[in-house]
Amino acid sequence: MIYSNFFFNRCGHYFCERCALQNFSKSPRCYSCGAPTNGIFNTAKNLIQKIEERKKKMEEKGETNREDEEKGRENESENSDDDVDKD
């Protein structure tokens, strides 16, 4: 799963947008600690910036992240089905 659009709530817990909205539709309380959120979610700009910096450093070093590795494995398994000899 690829996470994006990170937010934090009033009590300081971080969530991806999908999880924050999904939980808020069920309860107006923080999923982690149960504190009332009052529907307030702030964009986690500092976390997003750190993730982007880490991705850039990994690219410079020629490393891959787990998401890229998972995509590669999915492509390999799809291609291996094509390699099977069919009589």
Protein backbone atom coordinates (compact mmCIF):
# COMPACT_ATOMS: atom_id res chain seq x y z
CA MET A 1 0.00 0.00 0.00
CA ILE A 2 1.28 3.43 -0.88
CA TYR A 3 0.62 6.08 1.72
CA SER A 4 0.25 9.73 0.83
CA ASN A 5 -1.14 12.99 2.13
CA PHE A 6 -0.12 12.71 5.76
CA PHE A 7 -1.98 14.54 8.50
CA PHE A 8 -1.74 14.92 12.24
CA ASN A 9 -4.53 15.63 14.65
CA ARG A 10 -4.85 17.81 17.76
CA CYS A 11 -3.17 15.24 20.02
CA GLY A 12 -0.20 14.92 17.64
CA HIS A 13 -0.81 11.49 16.10
CA TYR A 14 -0.01 11.04 12.41
CA PHE A 15 -2.24 9.32 9.87
CA CYS A 16 -2.48 9.04 6.11
CA GLU A 17 -5.45 10.90 4.67
CA ARG A 18 -7.39 7.74 3.90
CA CYS A 19 -7.04 6.33 7.42
CA ALA A 20 -7.83 9.66 9.10
CA LEU A 21 -11.03 10.18 7.12
CA GLN A 22 -12.07 6.55 7.40
CA ASN A 23 -11.73 6.61 11.17
CA PHE A 24 -13.36 10.04 11.50
CA SER A 25 -16.41 8.79 9.61
CA LYS A 26 -16.83 6.17 12.37
CA SER A 27 -15.76 8.24 15.39
CA PRO A 28 -14.76 11.87 16.07
CA ARG A 29 -12.01 10.58 18.36
CA CYS A 30 -8.33 9.88 17.65
CA TYR A 31 -7.81 6.29 16.58
CA SER A 32 -4.60 6.06 18.62
CA CYS A 33 -5.50 7.60 21.97
CA GLY A 34 -9.23 8.33 21.88
CA ALA A 35 -8.87 12.11 22.36
CA PRO A 36 -11.51 14.24 20.60
CA THR A 37 -10.26 15.52 17.22
CA ASN A 38 -13.15 17.89 16.50
CA GLY A 39 -12.52 16.99 12.87
CA ILE A 40 -9.27 18.96 12.84
CA PHE A 41 -6.48 17.43 10.78
CA ASN A 42 -3.39 19.41 9.86
CA THR A 43 -1.12 18.67 6.93
CA ALA A 44 2.07 17.04 8.19
CA LYS A 45 4.39 19.17 6.08
CA ASN A 46 7.47 18.28 8.13
CA LEU A 47 6.84 14.54 7.74
CA ILE A 48 6.20 14.89 4.01
CA GLN A 49 9.43 16.88 3.66
CA LYS A 50 11.41 14.22 5.55
CA ILE A 51 10.00 11.47 3.35
CA GLU A 52 10.90 13.40 0.19
CA GLU A 53 14.44 14.03 1.49
CA ARG A 54 14.89 10.35 2.30
CA LYS A 55 13.64 9.32 -1.15
CA LYS A 56 16.07 11.76 -2.77
CA LYS A 57 19.01 10.43 -0.73
CA MET A 58 18.09 6.85 -1.62
CA GLU A 59 17.90 7.72 -5.31
CA GLU A 60 21.30 9.40 -5.15
CA LYS A 61 22.79 6.29 -3.57
CA GLY A 62 21.06 4.06 -6.10
CA GLU A 63 18.99 2.34 -3.43
CA THR A 64 15.40 1.31 -3.87
CA ASN A 65 12.61 1.63 -1.38
CA ARG A 66 10.21 -1.14 -0.39
CA GLU A 67 7.48 0.18 -2.68
CA ASP A 68 9.77 -0.09 -5.70
CA GLU A 69 10.85 -3.59 -4.65
CA GLU A 70 7.23 -4.71 -4.27
CA LYS A 71 6.37 -3.36 -7.72
CA GLY A 72 9.38 -5.19 -9.14
CA ARG A 73 8.26 -8.47 -7.57
CA GLU A 74 4.75 -8.01 -8.93
CA ASN A 75 6.12 -7.43 -12.43
CA GLU A 76 8.40 -10.48 -12.14
CA SER A 77 5.51 -12.74 -11.13
CA GLU A 78 3.37 -11.43 -13.98
CA ASN A 79 6.17 -12.04 -16.47
CA SER A 80 6.94 -15.51 -15.13
CA ASP A 81 3.42 -16.59 -16.08
CA ASP A 82 4.23 -15.66 -19.68
CA ASP A 83 7.37 -17.85 -19.66
CA VAL A 84 5.49 -21.09 -19.03
CA ASP A 85 5.58 -23.41 -22.06
CA LYS A 86 2.13 -24.20 -23.28
CA ASP A 87 1.62 -27.26 -25.46
